[in-house]
Amino acid sequence: MIEVDFGPGVLGGIILVVFIAPTIYSFFIDRIKK
């Protein structure tokens, strides 16, 4: 049961990073250019 509960948590974390990382990255790039 630990693996079942642990899997979705990691998957959700990866998805969260995948969606947020580009936003933060582009935000810093925009500030550096300006």
N, C-alpha and C. Protein backbone atom coordinates (compact mmCIF):
# COMPACT_ATOMS: atom_id res chain seq x y z
N MET A 1 0.83 -1.21 0.00
CA MET A 1 0.00 0.00 0.00
C MET A 1 0.87 1.26 0.00
N ILE A 2 2.07 1.14 0.58
CA ILE A 2 2.96 2.30 0.62
C ILE A 2 3.37 2.70 -0.80
N GLU A 3 3.65 1.69 -1.63
CA GLU A 3 4.06 1.98 -3.00
C GLU A 3 2.91 2.61 -3.79
N VAL A 4 1.69 2.16 -3.51
CA VAL A 4 0.52 2.69 -4.22
C VAL A 4 0.31 4.16 -3.86
N ASP A 5 0.51 4.49 -2.58
CA ASP A 5 0.34 5.89 -2.15
C ASP A 5 1.53 6.74 -2.56
N PHE A 6 2.70 6.10 -2.66
CA PHE A 6 3.94 6.83 -2.95
C PHE A 6 4.03 7.19 -4.43
N GLY A 7 3.53 6.31 -5.30
CA GLY A 7 3.63 6.50 -6.75
C GLY A 7 2.95 7.78 -7.23
N PRO A 8 1.65 7.93 -6.98
CA PRO A 8 0.92 9.12 -7.43
C PRO A 8 1.51 10.42 -6.89
N GLY A 9 2.06 10.36 -5.67
CA GLY A 9 2.65 11.57 -5.07
C GLY A 9 3.86 12.03 -5.87
N VAL A 10 4.71 11.06 -6.24
CA VAL A 10 5.90 11.40 -7.03
C VAL A 10 5.49 11.87 -8.42
N LEU A 11 4.51 11.19 -9.01
CA LEU A 11 4.03 11.55 -10.35
C LEU A 11 3.46 12.96 -10.34
N GLY A 12 2.69 13.28 -9.31
CA GLY A 12 2.12 14.62 -9.19
C GLY A 12 3.20 15.67 -9.02
N GLY A 13 4.24 15.31 -8.25
CA GLY A 13 5.36 16.24 -8.03
C GLY A 13 6.10 16.52 -9.32
N ILE A 14 6.31 15.45 -10.11
CA ILE A 14 7.01 15.62 -11.39
C ILE A 14 6.19 16.50 -12.33
N ILE A 15 4.90 16.25 -12.40
CA ILE A 15 4.03 17.06 -13.26
C ILE A 15 4.04 18.51 -12.80
N LEU A 16 4.04 18.71 -11.47
CA LEU A 16 4.05 20.06 -10.92
C LEU A 16 5.32 20.79 -11.34
N VAL A 17 6.46 20.10 -11.24
CA VAL A 17 7.75 20.69 -11.62
C VAL A 17 7.78 20.98 -13.12
N VAL A 18 7.25 20.05 -13.91
CA VAL A 18 7.26 20.21 -15.37
C VAL A 18 6.47 21.44 -15.79
N PHE A 19 5.35 21.70 -15.11
CA PHE A 19 4.52 22.85 -15.48
C PHE A 19 5.04 24.15 -14.90
N ILE A 20 5.63 24.11 -13.70
CA ILE A 20 6.08 25.34 -13.03
C ILE A 20 7.48 25.75 -13.48
N ALA A 21 8.36 24.77 -13.71
CA ALA A 21 9.76 25.07 -14.07
C ALA A 21 9.86 26.00 -15.28
N PRO A 22 9.19 25.72 -16.40
CA PRO A 22 9.28 26.61 -17.57
C PRO A 22 8.81 28.03 -17.26
N THR A 23 7.81 28.17 -16.41
CA THR A 23 7.30 29.49 -16.05
C THR A 23 8.35 30.28 -15.27
N ILE A 24 8.97 29.63 -14.28
CA ILE A 24 10.01 30.29 -13.48
C ILE A 24 11.22 30.59 -14.36
N TYR A 25 11.58 29.63 -15.23
CA TYR A 25 12.73 29.80 -16.11
C TYR A 25 12.53 31.00 -17.04
N SER A 26 11.38 31.06 -17.69
CA SER A 26 11.09 32.16 -18.61
C SER A 26 11.00 33.48 -17.85
N PHE A 27 10.55 33.43 -16.59
CA PHE A 27 10.43 34.63 -15.77
C PHE A 27 11.82 35.22 -15.50
N PHE A 28 12.78 34.35 -15.14
CA PHE A 28 14.14 34.82 -14.87
C PHE A 28 14.81 35.30 -16.16
N ILE A 29 14.58 34.61 -17.27
CA ILE A 29 15.16 35.01 -18.56
C ILE A 29 14.63 36.39 -18.94
N ASP A 30 13.34 36.61 -18.70
CA ASP A 30 12.73 37.90 -19.04
C ASP A 30 13.35 39.02 -18.20
N ARG A 31 13.60 38.75 -16.93
CA ARG A 31 14.17 39.77 -16.05
C ARG A 31 15.63 40.04 -16.41
N ILE A 32 16.35 38.99 -16.82
CA ILE A 32 17.77 39.16 -17.17
C ILE A 32 17.88 40.00 -18.45
N LYS A 33 16.99 39.75 -19.40
CA LYS A 33 17.03 40.49 -20.66
C LYS A 33 16.69 41.96 -20.43
N LYS A 34 15.77 42.23 -19.52
CA LYS A 34 15.38 43.61 -19.24
C LYS A 34 16.40 44.24 -18.30
